């Protein structure tokens, strides 16, 4: 499912029906990174989107810089302010 085609529609509901997410909400949780938001939607199986993001941060799959998520592919990178 293309996240950009479903911005206002519910595109994912957690297994326990506790949380529902529209495409727009997932993009917001991905801090505007549309490519990462699509990857989140493609990967999520039962849990909340926030859980996947926390795991990705912990495992170094993404880093936060200037209030945006940057995908690293698991490669350790060092970001320095200039």
N, C-alpha and C. Protein backbone atom coordinates (compact mmCIF):
# COMPACT_ATOMS: atom_id res chain seq x y z
N UNK A 1 0.84 -1.17 0.00
CA UNK A 1 0.00 0.00 0.00
C UNK A 1 0.89 1.24 0.00
N UNK A 2 0.63 2.17 -0.89
CA UNK A 2 1.39 3.41 -0.97
C UNK A 2 0.86 4.39 0.06
N UNK A 3 1.71 4.78 0.98
CA UNK A 3 1.30 5.65 2.08
C UNK A 3 0.80 7.00 1.59
N UNK A 4 1.35 7.50 0.49
CA UNK A 4 0.95 8.81 -0.02
C UNK A 4 -0.45 8.79 -0.65
N UNK A 5 -0.93 7.63 -1.02
CA UNK A 5 -2.27 7.53 -1.60
C UNK A 5 -3.34 7.42 -0.52
N UNK A 6 -2.94 7.29 0.73
CA UNK A 6 -3.89 7.09 1.82
C UNK A 6 -3.58 8.00 3.00
N UNK A 7 -3.38 9.26 2.74
CA UNK A 7 -2.99 10.18 3.81
C UNK A 7 -4.04 10.31 4.91
N UNK A 8 -5.28 10.40 4.54
CA UNK A 8 -6.33 10.62 5.54
C UNK A 8 -7.06 9.35 5.94
N UNK A 9 -6.81 8.26 5.26
CA UNK A 9 -7.48 6.99 5.57
C UNK A 9 -6.68 6.21 6.60
N UNK A 10 -7.38 5.40 7.39
CA UNK A 10 -6.69 4.50 8.32
C UNK A 10 -5.99 3.42 7.49
N UNK A 11 -4.69 3.31 7.67
CA UNK A 11 -3.91 2.35 6.90
C UNK A 11 -3.39 1.20 7.76
N UNK A 12 -3.45 1.40 9.09
CA UNK A 12 -2.95 0.34 9.97
C UNK A 12 -3.66 0.43 11.32
N UNK A 13 -4.04 -0.74 11.84
CA UNK A 13 -4.62 -0.86 13.17
C UNK A 13 -3.82 -1.90 13.93
N UNK A 14 -3.46 -1.60 15.17
CA UNK A 14 -2.71 -2.55 15.97
C UNK A 14 -3.54 -3.81 16.21
N UNK A 15 -2.84 -4.89 16.53
CA UNK A 15 -3.48 -6.19 16.70
C UNK A 15 -4.60 -6.15 17.74
N UNK A 16 -4.42 -5.39 18.81
CA UNK A 16 -5.43 -5.32 19.85
C UNK A 16 -6.48 -4.24 19.60
N UNK A 17 -6.45 -3.65 18.42
CA UNK A 17 -7.37 -2.58 18.01
C UNK A 17 -7.28 -1.35 18.90
N UNK A 18 -6.18 -1.23 19.62
CA UNK A 18 -6.00 -0.11 20.54
C UNK A 18 -5.65 1.18 19.80
N UNK A 19 -4.84 1.07 18.75
CA UNK A 19 -4.40 2.25 18.00
C UNK A 19 -4.67 2.08 16.51
N UNK A 20 -5.06 3.19 15.89
CA UNK A 20 -5.24 3.23 14.45
C UNK A 20 -4.40 4.38 13.91
N UNK A 21 -3.86 4.19 12.71
CA UNK A 21 -2.98 5.19 12.12
C UNK A 21 -3.39 5.48 10.69
N UNK A 22 -3.43 6.76 10.37
CA UNK A 22 -3.60 7.17 8.97
C UNK A 22 -2.21 7.32 8.36
N UNK A 23 -2.15 7.42 7.05
CA UNK A 23 -0.87 7.65 6.39
C UNK A 23 -0.22 8.93 6.90
N UNK A 24 -1.02 9.97 7.08
CA UNK A 24 -0.50 11.24 7.56
C UNK A 24 0.10 11.10 8.95
N UNK A 25 -0.55 10.35 9.83
CA UNK A 25 -0.03 10.16 11.19
C UNK A 25 1.30 9.41 11.17
N UNK A 26 1.43 8.41 10.31
CA UNK A 26 2.68 7.66 10.23
C UNK A 26 3.80 8.55 9.72
N UNK A 27 3.51 9.39 8.74
CA UNK A 27 4.51 10.33 8.23
C UNK A 27 4.92 11.31 9.33
N UNK A 28 3.98 11.77 10.12
CA UNK A 28 4.30 12.66 11.24
C UNK A 28 5.19 11.95 12.26
N UNK A 29 4.86 10.68 12.58
CA UNK A 29 5.68 9.91 13.52
C UNK A 29 7.09 9.67 12.96
N UNK A 30 7.19 9.59 11.63
CA UNK A 30 8.49 9.40 10.97
C UNK A 30 9.20 10.74 10.78
N UNK A 31 8.67 11.77 11.41
CA UNK A 31 9.24 13.13 11.38
C UNK A 31 9.40 13.64 9.96
N UNK A 32 8.40 13.35 9.13
CA UNK A 32 8.37 13.88 7.77
C UNK A 32 9.14 13.07 6.75
N UNK A 33 9.82 12.02 7.17
CA UNK A 33 10.59 11.19 6.24
C UNK A 33 9.62 10.19 5.60
N UNK A 34 9.16 10.52 4.40
CA UNK A 34 8.14 9.71 3.71
C UNK A 34 8.67 8.31 3.39
N UNK A 35 9.92 8.21 2.98
CA UNK A 35 10.49 6.91 2.67
C UNK A 35 10.50 6.02 3.92
N UNK A 36 10.91 6.58 5.05
CA UNK A 36 10.93 5.82 6.30
C UNK A 36 9.51 5.47 6.73
N UNK A 37 8.56 6.38 6.55
CA UNK A 37 7.16 6.11 6.89
C UNK A 37 6.63 4.92 6.09
N UNK A 38 6.97 4.86 4.82
CA UNK A 38 6.53 3.75 3.98
C UNK A 38 7.15 2.44 4.47
N UNK A 39 8.42 2.49 4.84
CA UNK A 39 9.09 1.30 5.36
C UNK A 39 8.43 0.84 6.65
N UNK A 40 8.08 1.78 7.53
CA UNK A 40 7.38 1.43 8.76
C UNK A 40 6.06 0.72 8.45
N UNK A 41 5.29 1.27 7.54
CA UNK A 41 4.01 0.67 7.18
C UNK A 41 4.20 -0.72 6.59
N UNK A 42 5.21 -0.90 5.78
CA UNK A 42 5.48 -2.20 5.17
C UNK A 42 5.94 -3.23 6.20
N UNK A 43 6.62 -2.80 7.25
CA UNK A 43 7.19 -3.71 8.24
C UNK A 43 6.26 -4.06 9.40
N UNK A 44 5.38 -3.16 9.75
CA UNK A 44 4.58 -3.34 10.96
C UNK A 44 3.66 -4.56 10.85
N UNK A 45 3.59 -5.33 11.93
CA UNK A 45 2.80 -6.56 11.90
C UNK A 45 1.69 -6.57 12.94
N UNK A 46 1.94 -6.12 14.13
CA UNK A 46 0.92 -6.18 15.18
C UNK A 46 1.06 -5.05 16.19
N UNK A 47 2.26 -4.48 16.29
CA UNK A 47 2.55 -3.51 17.32
C UNK A 47 2.26 -2.08 16.87
N UNK A 48 2.47 -1.14 17.77
CA UNK A 48 2.33 0.26 17.43
C UNK A 48 3.51 0.74 16.60
N UNK A 49 3.28 1.72 15.78
CA UNK A 49 4.33 2.31 14.95
C UNK A 49 5.44 2.87 15.84
N UNK A 50 5.06 3.46 16.97
CA UNK A 50 6.03 4.03 17.88
C UNK A 50 7.03 2.98 18.37
N UNK A 51 6.56 1.76 18.56
CA UNK A 51 7.44 0.67 19.02
C UNK A 51 8.52 0.38 17.98
N UNK A 52 8.13 0.35 16.70
CA UNK A 52 9.12 0.13 15.65
C UNK A 52 10.15 1.25 15.61
N UNK A 53 9.69 2.47 15.77
CA UNK A 53 10.60 3.61 15.75
C UNK A 53 11.59 3.52 16.92
N UNK A 54 11.10 3.19 18.11
CA UNK A 54 11.98 3.03 19.27
C UNK A 54 13.03 1.95 19.03
N UNK A 55 12.61 0.83 18.45
CA UNK A 55 13.55 -0.25 18.13
C UNK A 55 14.59 0.20 17.11
N UNK A 56 14.14 0.92 16.08
CA UNK A 56 15.07 1.40 15.05
C UNK A 56 16.09 2.38 15.63
N UNK A 57 15.65 3.25 16.54
CA UNK A 57 16.57 4.18 17.19
C UNK A 57 17.58 3.41 18.05
N UNK A 58 17.09 2.46 18.81
CA UNK A 58 17.95 1.67 19.71
C UNK A 58 18.98 0.85 18.93
N UNK A 59 18.56 0.33 17.77
CA UNK A 59 19.44 -0.53 16.98
C UNK A 59 20.26 0.24 15.94
N UNK A 60 20.11 1.55 15.91
CA UNK A 60 20.91 2.37 15.01
C UNK A 60 20.46 2.33 13.56
N UNK A 61 19.24 1.89 13.31
CA UNK A 61 18.72 1.89 11.93
C UNK A 61 18.36 3.30 11.48
N UNK A 62 18.04 4.16 12.45
CA UNK A 62 17.77 5.57 12.18
C UNK A 62 18.47 6.39 13.27
N UNK A 63 18.73 7.64 12.95
CA UNK A 63 19.22 8.60 13.94
C UNK A 63 18.35 9.85 13.80
N UNK A 64 18.26 10.59 14.89
CA UNK A 64 17.51 11.84 14.84
C UNK A 64 18.49 12.99 14.74
N UNK A 65 18.24 13.87 13.79
CA UNK A 65 19.08 15.05 13.57
C UNK A 65 18.18 16.19 13.14
N UNK A 66 18.28 17.32 13.83
CA UNK A 66 17.44 18.49 13.52
C UNK A 66 15.96 18.13 13.46
N UNK A 67 15.52 17.32 14.43
CA UNK A 67 14.12 16.91 14.54
C UNK A 67 13.63 16.14 13.32
N UNK A 68 14.54 15.40 12.68
CA UNK A 68 14.19 14.53 11.55
C UNK A 68 14.86 13.19 11.76
N UNK A 69 14.26 12.14 11.21
CA UNK A 69 14.89 10.83 11.24
C UNK A 69 15.65 10.62 9.94
N UNK A 70 16.88 10.15 10.09
CA UNK A 70 17.73 9.82 8.95
C UNK A 70 18.00 8.33 9.01
N UNK A 71 17.72 7.62 7.91
CA UNK A 71 17.96 6.19 7.87
C UNK A 71 19.45 5.93 7.66
N UNK A 72 19.98 5.00 8.44
CA UNK A 72 21.41 4.71 8.37
C UNK A 72 21.69 3.33 7.81
N UNK A 73 20.68 2.49 7.73
CA UNK A 73 20.91 1.12 7.29
C UNK A 73 21.71 0.32 8.28
N UNK A 74 21.72 0.76 9.54
CA UNK A 74 22.44 0.04 10.57
C UNK A 74 23.92 0.38 10.64
N UNK A 75 24.36 1.30 9.78
CA UNK A 75 25.76 1.72 9.79
C UNK A 75 25.91 2.84 10.81
N UNK A 76 26.87 2.70 11.70
CA UNK A 76 27.06 3.70 12.73
C UNK A 76 27.61 4.97 12.09
N UNK A 77 26.91 6.06 12.33
CA UNK A 77 27.37 7.33 11.80
C UNK A 77 27.45 8.34 12.95
N UNK A 78 28.31 9.30 12.79
CA UNK A 78 28.46 10.35 13.78
C UNK A 78 28.05 11.65 13.13
N UNK A 79 27.11 12.32 13.75
CA UNK A 79 26.62 13.59 13.23
C UNK A 79 27.18 14.69 14.09
N UNK A 80 27.83 15.66 13.44
CA UNK A 80 28.41 16.79 14.17
C UNK A 80 27.75 18.07 13.69
N UNK A 81 27.47 18.93 14.65
CA UNK A 81 26.97 20.26 14.31
C UNK A 81 28.14 21.07 13.78
N UNK A 82 27.89 21.86 12.75
CA UNK A 82 28.95 22.74 12.22
C UNK A 82 28.58 24.18 12.37
